[in-house]
C-alpha atoms as a PDB file:
ATOM      1  CA  MET A   1     121.675 115.610 141.750  1.00  0.00           C
ATOM      2  CA  PRO A   2     118.436 115.767 139.713  1.00  0.00           C
ATOM      3  CA  VAL A   3     118.666 116.765 136.089  1.00  0.00           C
ATOM      4  CA  GLN A   4     118.417 120.538 135.595  1.00  0.00           C
ATOM      5  CA  ASP A   5     117.918 122.639 132.481  1.00  0.00           C
ATOM      6  CA  SER A   6     121.651 123.442 132.463  1.00  0.00           C
ATOM      7  CA  HIS A   7     122.434 119.735 132.100  1.00  0.00           C
ATOM      8  CA  VAL A   8     120.055 119.472 129.153  1.00  0.00           C
ATOM      9  CA  ASN A   9     121.603 122.506 127.462  1.00  0.00           C
ATOM     10  CA  ARG A  10     125.063 120.988 127.927  1.00  0.00           C
ATOM     11  CA  ALA A  11     123.741 117.700 126.521  1.00  0.00           C
ATOM     12  CA  PHE A  12     122.789 119.510 123.302  1.00  0.00           C
ATOM     13  CA  ASP A  13     126.383 120.752 123.024  1.00  0.00           C
ATOM     14  CA  VAL A  14     127.793 117.268 123.700  1.00  0.00           C
ATOM     15  CA  ILE A  15     125.679 115.725 120.963  1.00  0.00           C
ATOM     16  CA  ARG A  16     126.683 118.457 118.525  1.00  0.00           C
ATOM     17  CA  SER A  17     130.373 118.057 119.318  1.00  0.00           C
ATOM     18  CA  GLN A  18     130.179 114.283 118.846  1.00  0.00           C
ATOM     19  CA  GLY A  19     128.487 114.643 115.488  1.00  0.00           C
ATOM     20  CA  ILE A  20     125.426 112.602 116.456  1.00  0.00           C
ATOM     21  CA  SER A  21     122.635 113.083 113.948  1.00  0.00           C
ATOM     22  CA  PRO A  22     119.859 115.141 115.591  1.00  0.00           C
ATOM     23  CA  ASN A  23     117.232 112.891 113.999  1.00  0.00           C
ATOM     24  CA  ASN A  24     118.657 109.562 115.164  1.00  0.00           C
ATOM     25  CA  PRO A  25     117.507 107.291 116.766  1.00  0.00           C
ATOM     26  CA  SER A  26     114.143 108.888 117.607  1.00  0.00           C
ATOM     27  CA  THR A  27     111.390 107.957 115.151  1.00  0.00           C
ATOM     28  CA  LYS A  28     108.471 110.009 116.493  1.00  0.00           C
ATOM     29  CA  TRP A  29     109.637 112.839 118.758  1.00  0.00           C
ATOM     30  CA  ASP A  30     112.293 115.557 118.937  1.00  0.00           C
ATOM     31  CA  VAL A  31     113.346 117.852 121.760  1.00  0.00           C
ATOM     32  CA  ILE A  32     114.079 121.395 120.577  1.00  0.00           C
ATOM     33  CA  ASP A  33     117.240 123.265 121.551  1.00  0.00           C
ATOM     34  CA  PRO A  34     115.820 126.714 122.458  1.00  0.00           C
ATOM     35  CA  LYS A  35     119.085 128.447 121.545  1.00  0.00           C
ATOM     36  CA  THR A  36     119.390 127.137 117.993  1.00  0.00           C
ATOM     37  CA  GLY A  37     116.032 125.561 117.146  1.00  0.00           C
ATOM     38  CA  GLU A  38     117.813 122.286 116.306  1.00  0.00           C
ATOM     39  CA  ARG A  39     116.039 118.984 116.914  1.00  0.00           C
ATOM     40  CA  PHE A  40     117.578 116.193 118.962  1.00  0.00           C
ATOM     41  CA  PRO A  41     116.467 112.698 120.026  1.00  0.00           C
ATOM     42  CA  PRO A  42     114.918 112.997 123.508  1.00  0.00           C
ATOM     43  CA  LYS A  43     116.365 109.719 124.810  1.00  0.00           C
ATOM     44  CA  ALA A  44     119.905 110.666 123.841  1.00  0.00           C
ATOM     45  CA  VAL A  45     119.533 114.144 125.351  1.00  0.00           C
ATOM     46  CA  LEU A  46     118.088 112.887 128.620  1.00  0.00           C
ATOM     47  CA  ARG A  47     120.659 110.087 128.908  1.00  0.00           C
ATOM     48  CA  ILE A  48     123.565 112.521 128.551  1.00  0.00           C
ATOM     49  CA  ALA A  49     121.920 115.078 130.831  1.00  0.00           C
ATOM     50  CA  LYS A  50     121.558 112.417 133.533  1.00  0.00           C
ATOM     51  CA  GLU A  51     125.228 111.500 133.176  1.00  0.00           C
ATOM     52  CA  LEU A  52     126.198 115.162 133.508  1.00  0.00           C
ATOM     53  CA  ALA A  53     124.046 115.392 136.649  1.00  0.00           C
ATOM     54  CA  GLY A  54     125.752 112.328 138.123  1.00  0.00           C
ATOM     55  CA  ASP A  55     122.537 110.311 137.914  1.00  0.00           C
ATOM     56  CA  ASN A  56     123.366 106.734 136.891  1.00  0.00           C
ATOM     57  CA  SER A  57     119.805 105.385 136.968  1.00  0.00           C
ATOM     58  CA  ARG A  58     118.594 103.788 133.739  1.00  0.00           C
ATOM     59  CA  LEU A  59     115.953 105.346 131.509  1.00  0.00           C
ATOM     60  CA  GLN A  60     112.600 103.609 131.487  1.00  0.00           C
ATOM     61  CA  GLY A  61     111.196 102.320 128.192  1.00  0.00           C
ATOM     62  CA  GLY A  62     108.608 104.169 126.109  1.00  0.00           C
ATOM     63  CA  GLY A  63     108.330 107.745 124.895  1.00  0.00           C
ATOM     64  CA  TRP A  64     106.581 109.546 127.738  1.00  0.00           C
ATOM     65  CA  PRO A  65     108.985 108.632 130.573  1.00  0.00           C
ATOM     66  CA  THR A  66     111.655 110.275 128.417  1.00  0.00           C
ATOM     67  CA  ASN A  67     109.645 113.233 127.191  1.00  0.00           C
ATOM     68  CA  ASP A  68     107.980 114.239 130.464  1.00  0.00           C
ATOM     69  CA  PRO A  69     111.157 115.164 132.395  1.00  0.00           C
ATOM     70  CA  LEU A  70     112.309 117.352 129.514  1.00  0.00           C
ATOM     71  CA  GLU A  71     108.945 119.082 129.235  1.00  0.00           C
ATOM     72  CA  GLU A  72     108.878 119.647 132.999  1.00  0.00           C
ATOM     73  CA  LEU A  73     112.171 121.529 132.627  1.00  0.00           C
ATOM     74  CA  GLY A  74     110.570 123.776 130.006  1.00  0.00           C
ATOM     75  CA  PHE A  75     111.893 122.198 126.813  1.00  0.00           C
ATOM     76  CA  ASP A  76     109.602 121.794 123.820  1.00  0.00           C
ATOM     77  CA  ILE A  77     108.866 118.269 122.564  1.00  0.00           C
ATOM     78  CA  ALA A  78     107.629 118.068 118.973  1.00  0.00           C
ATOM     79  CA  LEU A  79     106.637 115.388 116.538  1.00  0.00           C
ATOM     80  CA  LYS A  80     108.981 114.754 113.638  1.00  0.00           C
ATOM     81  CA  PRO A  81     108.311 117.287 110.852  1.00  0.00           C
ATOM     82  CA  HIS A  82     106.938 114.660 108.478  1.00  0.00           C
ATOM     83  CA  LEU A  83     104.371 113.691 111.128  1.00  0.00           C
ATOM     84  CA  GLU A  84     103.265 117.170 112.158  1.00  0.00           C
ATOM     85  CA  SER A  85     100.675 117.536 109.396  1.00  0.00           C
ATOM     86  CA  SER A  86      99.611 113.896 109.403  1.00  0.00           C
ATOM     87  CA  GLU A  87      96.479 112.174 110.607  1.00  0.00           C
ATOM     88  CA  LEU A  88      98.620 110.737 113.385  1.00  0.00           C
ATOM     89  CA  ALA A  89      99.509 114.216 114.614  1.00  0.00           C
ATOM     90  CA  THR A  90      95.886 115.305 114.581  1.00  0.00           C
ATOM     91  CA  ASP A  91      94.857 112.249 116.576  1.00  0.00           C
ATOM     92  CA  LEU A  92      97.592 112.786 119.150  1.00  0.00           C
ATOM     93  CA  GLN A  93      96.739 116.464 119.518  1.00  0.00           C
ATOM     94  CA  ARG A  94      93.134 115.553 120.212  1.00  0.00           C
ATOM     95  CA  VAL A  95      94.187 113.046 122.853  1.00  0.00           C
ATOM     96  CA  LEU A  96      96.507 115.530 124.555  1.00  0.00           C
ATOM     97  CA  GLY A  97      93.804 118.208 124.481  1.00  0.00           C
ATOM     98  CA  SER A  98      91.096 115.938 125.870  1.00  0.00           C
ATOM     99  CA  ASP A  99      89.835 116.008 129.443  1.00  0.00           C
ATOM    100  CA  VAL A 100      90.779 112.411 130.341  1.00  0.00           C
ATOM    101  CA  ASP A 101      93.343 111.894 133.102  1.00  0.00           C
ATOM    102  CA  GLU A 102      97.072 111.730 132.389  1.00  0.00           C
ATOM    103  CA  THR A 103      97.269 107.950 132.746  1.00  0.00           C
ATOM    104  CA  MET A 104      94.549 107.499 130.144  1.00  0.00           C
ATOM    105  CA  LYS A 105      96.245 110.011 127.846  1.00  0.00           C
ATOM    106  CA  GLN A 106      99.473 108.013 128.016  1.00  0.00           C
ATOM    107  CA  ARG A 107      97.649 104.758 127.258  1.00  0.00           C
ATOM    108  CA  LEU A 108      95.830 106.336 124.310  1.00  0.00           C
ATOM    109  CA  VAL A 109      98.987 107.902 122.885  1.00  0.00           C
ATOM    110  CA  ASN A 110     100.818 104.583 123.127  1.00  0.00           C
ATOM    111  CA  ALA A 111      97.912 102.763 121.484  1.00  0.00           C
ATOM    112  CA  ARG A 112      97.784 105.286 118.631  1.00  0.00           C
ATOM    113  CA  LEU A 113     101.508 104.820 118.091  1.00  0.00           C
ATOM    114  CA  GLY A 114     101.095 101.036 118.192  1.00  0.00           C
ATOM    115  CA  GLN A 115     103.122 100.819 121.389  1.00  0.00           C
ATOM    116  CA  GLY A 116     102.615 100.186 125.093  1.00  0.00           C
ATOM    117  CA  GLY A 117     100.030  97.803 126.458  1.00  0.00           C
ATOM    118  CA  PHE A 118      98.094  97.636 123.193  1.00  0.00           C
ATOM    119  CA  ARG A 119     101.106  96.308 121.281  1.00  0.00           C
ATOM    120  CA  GLU A 120     102.144  93.956 124.073  1.00  0.00           C
ATOM    121  CA  ALA A 121      98.648  92.460 124.204  1.00  0.00           C
ATOM    122  CA  LEU A 122      98.685  91.833 120.443  1.00  0.00           C
ATOM    123  CA  ILE A 123     102.122  90.246 120.631  1.00  0.00           C
ATOM    124  CA  GLU A 124     100.765  87.856 123.247  1.00  0.00           C
ATOM    125  CA  ILE A 125      97.514  87.146 121.387  1.00  0.00           C
ATOM    126  CA  TRP A 126      99.258  86.447 118.078  1.00  0.00           C
ATOM    127  CA  ASP A 127     102.210  84.634 119.632  1.00  0.00           C
ATOM    128  CA  GLY A 128     104.646  87.281 118.403  1.00  0.00           C
ATOM    129  CA  LYS A 129     103.855  86.592 114.741  1.00  0.00           C
ATOM    130  CA  CYS A 130     102.128  88.397 111.901  1.00  0.00           C
ATOM    131  CA  ALA A 131      98.476  87.329 112.043  1.00  0.00           C
ATOM    132  CA  LEU A 132      98.551  86.573 108.317  1.00  0.00           C
ATOM    133  CA  THR A 133     102.036  85.451 107.291  1.00  0.00           C
ATOM    134  CA  GLU A 134     103.410  84.297 110.678  1.00  0.00           C
ATOM    135  CA  CYS A 135     106.472  86.495 110.216  1.00  0.00           C
ATOM    136  CA  ASN A 136     108.091  86.658 113.670  1.00  0.00           C
ATOM    137  CA  ILE A 137     110.628  89.454 113.112  1.00  0.00           C
ATOM    138  CA  GLN A 138     109.566  91.812 115.896  1.00  0.00           C
ATOM    139  CA  PRO A 139     110.917  95.103 114.487  1.00  0.00           C
ATOM    140  CA  VAL A 140     108.762  94.799 111.345  1.00  0.00           C
ATOM    141  CA  LEU A 141     105.529  93.901 113.150  1.00  0.00           C
ATOM    142  CA  ARG A 142     102.923  96.621 113.604  1.00  0.00           C
ATOM    143  CA  ALA A 143     100.058  96.782 116.094  1.00  0.00           C
ATOM    144  CA  SER A 144      97.263  97.771 113.724  1.00  0.00           C
ATOM    145  CA  HIS A 145      93.782  98.937 114.704  1.00  0.00           C
ATOM    146  CA  ILE A 146      90.946  97.228 112.807  1.00  0.00           C
ATOM    147  CA  LYS A 147      88.226  99.792 113.398  1.00  0.00           C
ATOM    148  CA  ALA A 148      89.932 103.071 112.573  1.00  0.00           C
ATOM    149  CA  TRP A 149      91.023 105.346 115.414  1.00  0.00           C
ATOM    150  CA  ARG A 150      88.829 108.193 114.171  1.00  0.00           C
ATOM    151  CA  ALA A 151      85.738 105.961 114.282  1.00  0.00           C
ATOM    152  CA  SER A 152      86.465 104.372 117.663  1.00  0.00           C
ATOM    153  CA  ASN A 153      85.727 105.485 121.193  1.00  0.00           C
ATOM    154  CA  ASN A 154      88.436 105.334 123.865  1.00  0.00           C
ATOM    155  CA  ARG A 155      87.424 101.863 125.022  1.00  0.00           C
ATOM    156  CA  GLU A 156      87.625 100.532 121.464  1.00  0.00           C
ATOM    157  CA  ARG A 157      90.966 102.237 120.916  1.00  0.00           C
ATOM    158  CA  LEU A 158      92.468 100.301 123.821  1.00  0.00           C
ATOM    159  CA  ASP A 159      90.682  97.000 123.158  1.00  0.00           C
ATOM    160  CA  PRO A 160      93.166  94.339 121.928  1.00  0.00           C
ATOM    161  CA  ALA A 161      90.262  92.675 120.064  1.00  0.00           C
ATOM    162  CA  ASN A 162      90.319  95.775 117.853  1.00  0.00           C
ATOM    163  CA  GLY A 163      93.819  94.956 116.661  1.00  0.00           C
ATOM    164  CA  LEU A 164      95.922  92.719 114.472  1.00  0.00           C
ATOM    165  CA  LEU A 165      99.656  92.163 114.596  1.00  0.00           C
ATOM    166  CA  LEU A 166     100.761  92.579 110.980  1.00  0.00           C
ATOM    167  CA  ALA A 167     104.022  92.824 109.054  1.00  0.00           C
ATOM    168  CA  ALA A 168     104.681  96.440 108.081  1.00  0.00           C
ATOM    169  CA  SER A 169     103.855  96.186 104.360  1.00  0.00           C
ATOM    170  CA  ILE A 170     100.611  94.340 105.096  1.00  0.00           C
ATOM    171  CA  ASP A 171      99.735  96.809 107.835  1.00  0.00           C
ATOM    172  CA  ALA A 172     100.153  99.689 105.358  1.00  0.00           C
ATOM    173  CA  LEU A 173      97.629  98.078 102.982  1.00  0.00           C
ATOM    174  CA  PHE A 174      95.232  97.190 105.796  1.00  0.00           C
ATOM    175  CA  ASP A 175      95.433 100.658 107.373  1.00  0.00           C
ATOM    176  CA  LYS A 176      94.459 102.276 104.052  1.00  0.00           C
ATOM    177  CA  CYS A 177      91.659  99.711 103.563  1.00  0.00           C
ATOM    178  CA  LEU A 178      93.347  98.459 100.398  1.00  0.00           C
ATOM    179  CA  ILE A 179      92.926  94.954 101.768  1.00  0.00           C
ATOM    180  CA  THR A 180      90.521  93.477 104.286  1.00  0.00           C
ATOM    181  CA  PHE A 181      89.666  90.033 105.589  1.00  0.00           C
ATOM    182  CA  THR A 182      86.515  88.036 104.904  1.00  0.00           C
ATOM    183  CA  ALA A 183      84.541  86.252 107.619  1.00  0.00           C
ATOM    184  CA  SER A 184      86.599  83.141 106.846  1.00  0.00           C
ATOM    185  CA  GLY A 185      89.829  85.147 107.189  1.00  0.00           C
ATOM    186  CA  ARG A 186      90.791  85.280 103.520  1.00  0.00           C
ATOM    187  CA  VAL A 187      92.395  88.364 101.994  1.00  0.00           C
ATOM    188  CA  LYS A 188      90.163  90.597  99.891  1.00  0.00           C
ATOM    189  CA  ALA A 189      91.996  93.200  97.809  1.00  0.00           C
ATOM    190  CA  ASN A 190      91.222  96.544  96.198  1.00  0.00           C
ATOM    191  CA  PRO A 191      90.978  96.345  92.365  1.00  0.00           C
ATOM    192  CA  SER A 192      93.919  98.754  92.063  1.00  0.00           C
ATOM    193  CA  LEU A 193      96.166  95.968  93.367  1.00  0.00           C
ATOM    194  CA  SER A 194      97.301  92.852  91.538  1.00  0.00           C
ATOM    195  CA  LYS A 195      97.879  89.289  92.640  1.00  0.00           C
ATOM    196  CA  GLU A 196     101.432  89.536  91.370  1.00  0.00           C
ATOM    197  CA  GLY A 197     102.116  92.681  93.371  1.00  0.00           C
ATOM    198  CA  LEU A 198     100.639  91.161  96.503  1.00  0.00           C
ATOM    199  CA  ALA A 199     102.697  88.008  95.979  1.00  0.00           C
ATOM    200  CA  ASN A 200     105.816  90.174  95.950  1.00  0.00           C
ATOM    201  CA  LEU A 201     104.834  91.295  99.452  1.00  0.00           C
ATOM    202  CA  GLY A 202     104.433  87.712 100.571  1.00  0.00           C
ATOM    203  CA  LEU A 203     100.627  87.609 100.206  1.00  0.00           C
ATOM    204  CA  ARG A 204      99.609  84.459  98.398  1.00  0.00           C
ATOM    205  CA  PRO A 205      96.476  82.314  98.083  1.00  0.00           C
ATOM    206  CA  GLY A 206      95.906  80.198 101.152  1.00  0.00           C
ATOM    207  CA  HIS A 207      96.914  82.797 103.720  1.00  0.00           C
ATOM    208  CA  ARG A 208      94.165  83.264 106.302  1.00  0.00           C
ATOM    209  CA  VAL A 209      93.642  85.187 109.531  1.00  0.00           C
ATOM    210  CA  GLU A 210      91.918  83.377 112.397  1.00  0.00           C
ATOM    211  CA  LEU A 211      89.230  85.761 113.676  1.00  0.00           C
ATOM    212  CA  ASP A 212      87.421  85.221 116.966  1.00  0.00           C
ATOM    213  CA  LYS A 213      83.958  86.666 117.668  1.00  0.00           C
ATOM    214  CA  ARG A 214      85.218  89.860 119.309  1.00  0.00           C
ATOM    215  CA  THR A 215      87.693  90.611 116.537  1.00  0.00           C
ATOM    216  CA  GLU A 216      85.137  89.728 113.846  1.00  0.00           C
ATOM    217  CA  ARG A 217      82.824  92.439 115.196  1.00  0.00           C
ATOM    218  CA  TYR A 218      85.493  95.056 114.509  1.00  0.00           C
ATOM    219  CA  MET A 219      86.377  93.462 111.176  1.00  0.00           C
ATOM    220  CA  GLY A 220      82.789  94.025 110.048  1.00  0.00           C
ATOM    221  CA  TRP A 221      83.447  97.771 110.280  1.00  0.00           C
ATOM    222  CA  HIS A 222      86.668  97.386 108.291  1.00  0.00           C
ATOM    223  CA  ARG A 223      84.954  95.355 105.543  1.00  0.00           C
ATOM    224  CA  ASP A 224      82.216  97.981 105.190  1.00  0.00           C
ATOM    225  CA  GLU A 225      84.863 100.691 104.830  1.00  0.00           C
ATOM    226  CA  PHE A 226      86.789  98.558 102.332  1.00  0.00           C
ATOM    227  CA  GLU A 227      83.649  98.063 100.189  1.00  0.00           C
ATOM    228  CA  ARG A 228      82.878 101.776 100.303  1.00  0.00           C
ATOM    229  CA  LEU A 229      86.353 102.667  99.040  1.00  0.00           C
ATOM    230  CA  SER A 230      86.890  99.793  96.614  1.00  0.00           C
ATOM    231  CA  GLY A 231      83.601  99.694  94.709  1.00  0.00           C
ATOM    232  CA  LYS A 232      83.359  96.907  92.158  1.00  0.00           C
ATOM    233  CA  GLY A 233      86.196  94.692  91.054  1.00  0.00           C
ATOM    234  CA  SER A 234      87.690  93.653  94.393  1.00  0.00           C
ATOM    235  CA  PHE A 235      89.038  90.112  94.488  1.00  0.00           C
ATOM    236  CA  GLU A 236      89.941  87.404  96.996  1.00  0.00           C
ATOM    237  CA  LEU A 237      93.238  85.589  97.251  1.00  0.00           C
END
């Protein structure tokens, strides 16, 4: 039997009765219980609803294969509250409101979230390691755009050459243009940072990123943005 809205409503009750946190394990999305307004992880809800419907097929990976069936049944899917007013939310809303086809929307959403084909391509390109430190712990690696999403067209947003695989702390600095990379791949840092602080994050002199011609073209944009925001006093490691 296919999953029906009654199965989803019962799934909400099951999760409540088992004491499962409504915010775990989903990191980006929630499905809203229309009766109470409570938020629940879409994957957990859909998994239990499928069990209640007698459907033993496995869930596919990724957010949209989970979210779409719930939305088709009339349930609201929302970003986590701390993301709703973020730049990420604005970008996703623009994608979802655009006139591109649904397949392209899914690819763009995944790319903006650092998931899907964009992430997989970067994992392959960088051999599953941080482009700078060679950290190979997959859960802490982020698929980071070089030329910012807001400044890119859809082709650039999906282009793996416009990406680096970076450890999370380094990605946070790179995303805010607090660090960039020179043409030789060395780290250049905002004057508000210190060598000691960067060393505590594992960034030390001698670390370099190997940039090919396609990636270097995007890095030129990032360096210009870095210089605009940093002014004088930036330094190289």
